[in-house]
Amino acid sequence: MIRRFANQWPSVLLGVAILYATLAPAPARASRSGEVEVPAMTTLESALQAYSAAQTEQDRSARLAGFSRAEDGFRRLVEAGHRSPDLYANWGTAALQAEHLGSAVLAFRLALRRAPRPERAMRNLLVARELLPPWVPRPSAAGDGSASPGNTLWNRTLAWRRQLSPGERAIVLGALFLVAAALAAASLLYRLPGLRVAAALLAATWVATFLSLHPGILGGGSNPDARDAVVTVPETVLRAADSLGAPARLPRPLPGGTELRIIEERTGWAKVSLADGQTGWVRRSALATLNDTAPASRGGGLTGGANPRLHEAGPS
């Protein structure tokens, strides 16, 4: 039976590849007549202009308002599906200058997840963390605070997967399947062990890539990245139970920008673990997770000179 399966597994692999390619979402197509690109470019230009004007503004209130407008513009582009690392970094930089530390840390964490080379995103994140009060627990500087640090060899090797839309990822995975099946079939037809080894390596690459994009399959149905969160509402009280009447677990409320991990959820509440291991309950509405559920860019995204970088993050 084992020998029979060994002879038939290339056909099985090919069948699964065809089924996957059939059921996978199709890649997004560029819109005609600039249906997405024109509004996106207008929003980007407005955000950049607001940021530039705020930099030269002498009045503090007007300066913060200008950075807030820039932050809102970059955030809306991200929510529309334009998810480049530079755009996340621009959002975080504008939020940091607007003194919205929670949004800044969130944006830099998202930029770190998507950046093929995470050094710039990590520098920005470290700057934002330094602005937190000294007593706030922080993840180690060596990683991004998530279960899978952004600077590990594994994440660097598969960094390309974060740059593709769901449809493009489906095409890549389908292509890996088809090539692996073709090599396996050729190895049986021509009795070349080297082709079988190459097919096995491609199949293993497919499995690793698929699991990296769908970690919930092995993790109880939830994305580990979705459990990492950032406090985005200032003065969030960490309580001993999921009740407004429960005592506070810390002498002071958590500031915006505090990074933590959600370990349990109940109606309107989340049990969280801080970077130093302390646990407690906070209002779920005070948190933003890193599950990155914005749709893929429709219309090809903002590319080339249309998506410039702002200066490195830093306090104004």
Protein backbone atom coordinates (compact mmCIF):
# COMPACT_ATOMS: atom_id res chain seq x y z
CA MET A 1 0.00 0.00 0.00
CA ILE A 2 2.85 2.36 0.82
CA ARG A 3 4.50 1.64 -2.54
CA ARG A 4 1.19 2.25 -4.29
CA PHE A 5 0.79 5.62 -2.57
CA ALA A 6 4.38 6.53 -3.43
CA ASN A 7 3.61 5.93 -7.09
CA GLN A 8 0.40 7.93 -7.00
CA TRP A 9 1.30 10.86 -4.78
CA PRO A 10 2.36 13.13 -7.69
CA SER A 11 -1.13 12.75 -9.15
CA VAL A 12 -2.65 13.54 -5.78
CA LEU A 13 -0.40 16.59 -5.45
CA LEU A 14 -1.42 17.77 -8.92
CA GLY A 15 -5.10 17.33 -8.10
CA VAL A 16 -4.79 19.32 -4.89
CA ALA A 17 -2.93 22.05 -6.78
CA ILE A 18 -5.72 22.34 -9.35
CA LEU A 19 -8.34 22.39 -6.61
CA TYR A 20 -6.44 25.07 -4.68
CA ALA A 21 -5.97 27.22 -7.79
CA THR A 22 -9.70 26.88 -8.54
CA LEU A 23 -10.88 27.88 -5.07
CA ALA A 24 -8.25 30.54 -4.29
CA PRO A 25 -9.30 34.18 -4.52
CA ALA A 26 -8.49 35.88 -7.79
CA PRO A 27 -5.94 38.71 -7.71
CA ALA A 28 -7.30 42.21 -7.63
CA ARG A 29 -7.34 44.00 -10.98
CA ALA A 30 -6.33 47.56 -11.58
CA SER A 31 -9.37 49.78 -11.78
CA ARG A 32 -10.19 51.64 -14.96
CA SER A 33 -10.45 55.37 -15.32
CA GLY A 34 -8.51 55.84 -12.08
CA GLU A 35 -11.48 54.86 -9.90
CA VAL A 36 -9.15 54.08 -6.99
CA GLU A 37 -5.86 55.65 -7.96
CA VAL A 38 -7.09 59.22 -8.43
CA PRO A 39 -8.77 59.50 -5.00
CA ALA A 40 -5.82 57.69 -3.43
CA MET A 41 -3.31 60.06 -4.98
CA THR A 42 -5.41 63.04 -3.90
CA THR A 43 -5.54 61.71 -0.34
CA LEU A 44 -1.79 61.04 -0.34
CA GLU A 45 -0.97 64.52 -1.63
CA SER A 46 -3.26 66.10 0.95
CA ALA A 47 -1.63 64.10 3.75
CA LEU A 48 1.87 65.05 2.61
CA GLN A 49 0.89 68.70 2.32
CA ALA A 50 -0.66 68.66 5.79
CA TYR A 51 2.49 67.10 7.23
CA SER A 52 4.76 69.60 5.48
CA ALA A 53 2.66 72.57 6.62
CA ALA A 54 2.59 71.29 10.19
CA GLN A 55 6.39 71.12 10.27
CA THR A 56 6.64 74.87 9.72
CA GLU A 57 3.72 75.81 11.99
CA GLN A 58 4.78 77.77 15.08
CA ASP A 59 1.54 77.48 17.04
CA ARG A 60 1.51 74.18 18.92
CA SER A 61 -2.23 73.56 18.62
CA ALA A 62 -2.20 74.26 14.90
CA ARG A 63 0.90 72.07 14.47
CA LEU A 64 -0.72 69.11 16.24
CA ALA A 65 -3.89 69.59 14.22
CA GLY A 66 -1.87 69.53 11.00
CA PHE A 67 -0.07 66.33 11.95
CA SER A 68 -3.43 64.82 12.93
CA ARG A 69 -4.80 65.58 9.47
CA ALA A 70 -1.76 63.95 7.90
CA GLU A 71 -2.16 60.94 10.18
CA ASP A 72 -5.82 60.61 9.22
CA GLY A 73 -4.96 60.72 5.52
CA PHE A 74 -2.29 58.02 5.74
CA ARG A 75 -4.56 55.87 7.91
CA ARG A 76 -7.41 56.12 5.40
CA LEU A 77 -5.06 55.01 2.61
CA VAL A 78 -4.08 51.98 4.67
CA GLU A 79 -7.72 51.15 5.37
CA ALA A 80 -8.42 51.44 1.62
CA GLY A 81 -5.92 48.64 1.05
CA HIS A 82 -2.67 50.45 0.17
CA ARG A 83 -0.46 48.54 2.57
CA SER A 84 3.17 49.29 1.77
CA PRO A 85 5.74 49.44 4.60
CA ASP A 86 6.52 53.08 3.75
CA LEU A 87 2.86 54.06 4.00
CA TYR A 88 2.57 52.41 7.41
CA ALA A 89 5.76 54.22 8.45
CA ASN A 90 4.35 57.55 7.23
CA TRP A 91 1.17 56.93 9.20
CA GLY A 92 3.20 56.15 12.32
CA THR A 93 5.48 59.17 11.89
CA ALA A 94 2.54 61.56 11.51
CA ALA A 95 0.80 59.97 14.51
CA LEU A 96 3.95 60.33 16.58
CA GLN A 97 4.24 64.01 15.70
CA ALA A 98 0.54 64.42 16.53
CA GLU A 99 1.32 62.89 19.96
CA HIS A 100 -0.96 59.93 19.31
CA LEU A 101 1.43 57.35 20.66
CA GLY A 102 -0.98 54.42 20.46
CA SER A 103 -1.57 54.88 16.74
CA ALA A 104 2.15 55.45 16.16
CA VAL A 105 3.20 52.19 17.84
CA LEU A 106 0.45 50.30 16.02
CA ALA A 107 1.51 51.67 12.63
CA PHE A 108 5.21 50.96 13.24
CA ARG A 109 4.41 47.40 14.35
CA LEU A 110 2.43 46.87 11.15
CA ALA A 111 5.26 48.38 9.10
CA LEU A 112 7.69 46.03 10.81
CA ARG A 113 5.58 43.01 9.87
CA ARG A 114 5.52 43.98 6.19
CA ALA A 115 9.02 45.35 5.66
CA PRO A 116 11.43 43.04 3.76
CA ARG A 117 14.25 44.81 5.61
CA PRO A 118 12.86 45.80 9.01
CA GLU A 119 15.70 48.01 10.26
CA ARG A 120 13.97 51.34 9.55
CA ALA A 121 10.65 50.15 10.97
CA MET A 122 12.40 48.89 14.10
CA ARG A 123 14.22 52.20 14.61
CA ASN A 124 10.89 54.02 14.38
CA LEU A 125 9.29 51.62 16.83
CA LEU A 126 12.15 52.00 19.32
CA VAL A 127 11.80 55.80 19.16
CA ALA A 128 8.09 55.52 19.94
CA ARG A 129 8.72 53.13 22.83
CA GLU A 130 11.20 55.54 24.38
CA LEU A 131 8.41 58.11 24.71
CA LEU A 132 6.40 55.83 27.00
CA PRO A 133 6.67 56.38 30.77
CA PRO A 134 9.58 54.40 32.26
CA TRP A 135 7.30 52.15 34.30
CA VAL A 136 5.45 50.77 31.25
CA PRO A 137 6.62 47.22 30.40
CA ARG A 138 8.12 46.99 26.91
CA PRO A 139 8.95 44.05 24.66
CA SER A 140 12.65 43.39 24.28
CA ALA A 141 14.44 45.62 21.81
CA ALA A 142 15.62 42.53 19.93
CA GLY A 143 12.19 41.81 18.48
CA ASP A 144 8.90 43.40 17.54
CA GLY A 145 7.08 41.99 20.52
CA SER A 146 5.11 39.38 18.62
CA ALA A 147 5.36 35.64 18.80
CA SER A 148 7.44 35.65 15.62
CA PRO A 149 10.01 38.46 15.77
CA GLY A 150 10.32 40.40 12.55
CA ASN A 151 14.08 39.97 12.34
CA THR A 152 14.27 36.18 12.50
CA LEU A 153 15.82 34.28 9.60
CA TRP A 154 12.51 32.55 8.92
CA ASN A 155 10.56 35.80 8.58
CA ARG A 156 13.30 37.36 6.45
CA THR A 157 13.20 34.34 4.13
CA LEU A 158 9.43 34.58 3.69
CA ALA A 159 9.21 38.39 3.85
CA TRP A 160 7.96 38.49 0.26
CA ARG A 161 4.62 36.98 1.32
CA ARG A 162 3.65 40.19 3.12
CA GLN A 163 4.14 42.25 -0.04
CA LEU A 164 1.56 40.33 -2.09
CA SER A 165 -2.20 40.55 -2.21
CA PRO A 166 -4.21 37.43 -1.26
CA GLY A 167 -4.80 36.69 -4.95
CA GLU A 168 -1.11 37.01 -5.78
CA ARG A 169 -0.22 34.73 -2.88
CA ALA A 170 -2.69 32.18 -4.23
CA ILE A 171 -1.00 32.30 -7.63
CA VAL A 172 2.45 31.79 -6.07
CA LEU A 173 1.26 28.88 -3.94
CA GLY A 174 -0.56 27.33 -6.89
CA ALA A 175 2.54 27.66 -9.05
CA LEU A 176 4.66 25.95 -6.38
CA PHE A 177 2.17 23.11 -6.26
CA LEU A 178 2.10 22.69 -10.04
CA VAL A 179 5.88 22.74 -10.41
CA ALA A 180 6.31 20.25 -7.56
CA ALA A 181 3.73 17.93 -9.15
CA ALA A 182 5.37 18.22 -12.57
CA LEU A 183 8.81 17.41 -11.15
CA ALA A 184 7.43 14.46 -9.21
CA ALA A 185 5.70 13.09 -12.29
CA ALA A 186 8.88 13.55 -14.34
CA SER A 187 10.94 11.79 -11.68
CA LEU A 188 8.68 8.72 -11.92
CA LEU A 189 8.54 8.80 -15.69
CA TYR A 190 12.28 9.15 -16.22
CA ARG A 191 13.35 7.49 -12.95
CA LEU A 192 15.52 10.40 -11.88
CA PRO A 193 15.88 10.59 -8.08
CA GLY A 194 17.15 14.15 -8.28
CA LEU A 195 13.83 15.35 -9.67
CA ARG A 196 11.99 13.61 -6.83
CA VAL A 197 14.19 15.38 -4.29
CA ALA A 198 13.52 18.73 -5.98
CA ALA A 199 9.79 18.01 -5.96
CA ALA A 200 9.90 17.16 -2.26
CA LEU A 201 11.77 20.39 -1.49
CA LEU A 202 9.22 22.46 -3.42
CA ALA A 203 6.36 20.67 -1.68
CA ALA A 204 7.96 21.39 1.70
CA THR A 205 8.36 25.05 0.69
CA TRP A 206 4.68 25.17 -0.23
CA VAL A 207 3.65 23.68 3.12
CA ALA A 208 5.87 26.09 5.07
CA THR A 209 4.60 29.10 3.13
CA PHE A 210 0.97 28.03 3.41
CA LEU A 211 1.24 27.53 7.18
CA SER A 212 3.01 30.88 7.60
CA LEU A 213 0.03 32.56 5.89
CA HIS A 214 -2.59 30.48 7.71
CA PRO A 215 -1.15 29.81 11.19
CA GLY A 216 -4.64 29.29 12.63
CA ILE A 217 -4.71 25.81 11.06
CA LEU A 218 -2.26 24.59 13.69
CA GLY A 219 -3.06 27.14 16.38
CA GLY A 220 -6.65 26.45 17.34
CA GLY A 221 -8.25 28.57 14.64
CA SER A 222 -6.81 31.96 15.52
CA ASN A 223 -4.00 33.95 13.99
CA PRO A 224 -1.19 34.42 16.54
CA ASP A 225 -0.48 37.88 15.14
CA ALA A 226 -4.10 38.83 15.81
CA ARG A 227 -3.50 38.28 19.52
CA ASP A 228 -0.80 40.94 19.70
CA ALA A 229 -2.37 44.31 20.41
CA VAL A 230 -1.60 47.93 21.20
CA VAL A 231 -3.45 50.22 23.60
CA THR A 232 -4.82 53.07 21.48
CA VAL A 233 -6.99 54.79 24.10
CA PRO A 234 -5.02 56.84 26.68
CA GLU A 235 -5.54 56.19 30.37
CA THR A 236 -6.76 52.63 29.96
CA VAL A 237 -7.21 50.95 33.35
CA LEU A 238 -5.92 47.40 33.76
CA ARG A 239 -8.43 45.72 36.07
CA ALA A 240 -8.47 42.53 38.10
CA ALA A 241 -11.67 41.31 36.44
CA ASP A 242 -13.91 42.06 33.48
CA SER A 243 -15.95 44.68 35.29
CA LEU A 244 -15.78 48.45 35.66
CA GLY A 245 -16.10 47.92 39.40
CA ALA A 246 -13.09 45.61 39.62
CA PRO A 247 -9.98 47.04 41.30
CA ALA A 248 -7.09 48.29 39.21
CA ARG A 249 -4.11 45.97 38.87
CA LEU A 250 -1.62 48.84 38.51
CA PRO A 251 -1.21 52.13 40.35
CA ARG A 252 -1.59 54.05 37.08
CA PRO A 253 -3.60 53.53 33.89
CA LEU A 254 -1.88 52.18 30.80
CA PRO A 255 -0.92 54.91 28.33
CA GLY A 256 -1.59 54.71 24.63
CA GLY A 257 1.19 52.79 22.91
CA THR A 258 1.42 50.00 25.50
CA GLU A 259 2.06 46.70 23.73
CA LEU A 260 0.44 43.58 25.09
CA ARG A 261 -1.04 40.22 24.14
CA ILE A 262 -4.70 39.23 24.30
CA ILE A 263 -5.11 35.86 26.01
CA GLU A 264 -8.90 35.76 26.43
CA GLU A 265 -11.94 37.73 25.33
CA ARG A 266 -15.36 38.20 26.83
CA THR A 267 -18.18 40.54 25.85
CA GLY A 268 -16.60 44.00 25.67
CA TRP A 269 -13.50 42.92 27.58
CA ALA A 270 -10.09 41.38 26.90
CA LYS A 271 -7.76 39.64 29.31
CA VAL A 272 -4.25 40.75 28.43
CA SER A 273 -0.68 39.99 29.33
CA LEU A 274 1.90 42.77 29.49
CA ALA A 275 5.48 42.37 28.34
CA ASP A 276 6.61 41.63 31.91
CA GLY A 277 3.98 38.91 32.41
CA GLN A 278 1.44 40.91 34.43
CA THR A 279 -2.15 40.13 33.48
CA GLY A 280 -5.45 41.89 33.81
CA TRP A 281 -8.60 42.98 31.99
CA VAL A 282 -9.14 46.03 29.80
CA ARG A 283 -11.99 47.28 27.66
CA ARG A 284 -11.71 45.62 24.25
CA SER A 285 -12.48 48.91 22.52
CA ALA A 286 -9.25 50.37 23.94
CA LEU A 287 -7.13 47.95 21.90
CA ALA A 288 -6.14 47.55 18.25
CA THR A 289 -4.82 44.18 17.12
CA LEU A 290 -2.21 43.40 14.48
CA ASN A 291 -4.38 41.11 12.39
CA ASP A 292 -4.16 43.56 9.47
CA THR A 293 -7.58 42.84 7.98
CA ALA A 294 -7.57 45.72 5.45
CA PRO A 295 -8.32 44.46 1.93
CA ALA A 296 -5.53 44.13 -0.58
CA SER A 297 -4.82 47.14 -2.73
CA ARG A 298 -7.33 47.53 -5.52
CA GLY A 299 -5.80 49.29 -8.45
CA GLY A 300 -2.23 48.26 -7.83
CA GLY A 301 -1.49 50.35 -4.77
CA LEU A 302 0.76 53.39 -4.49
CA THR A 303 4.10 52.64 -6.07
CA GLY A 304 7.36 54.30 -6.96
CA GLY A 305 7.55 58.03 -6.34
CA ALA A 306 3.86 58.14 -5.46
CA ASN A 307 4.58 56.72 -2.02
CA PRO A 308 7.45 58.78 -0.58
CA ARG A 309 8.93 58.32 2.86
CA LEU A 310 8.71 60.96 5.53
CA HIS A 311 11.72 61.63 7.71
CA GLU A 312 12.65 59.17 10.39
CA ALA A 313 10.30 59.18 13.34
CA GLY A 314 11.15 61.37 16.29
CA PRO A 315 9.58 63.78 18.75
CA SER A 316 8.78 67.24 17.48
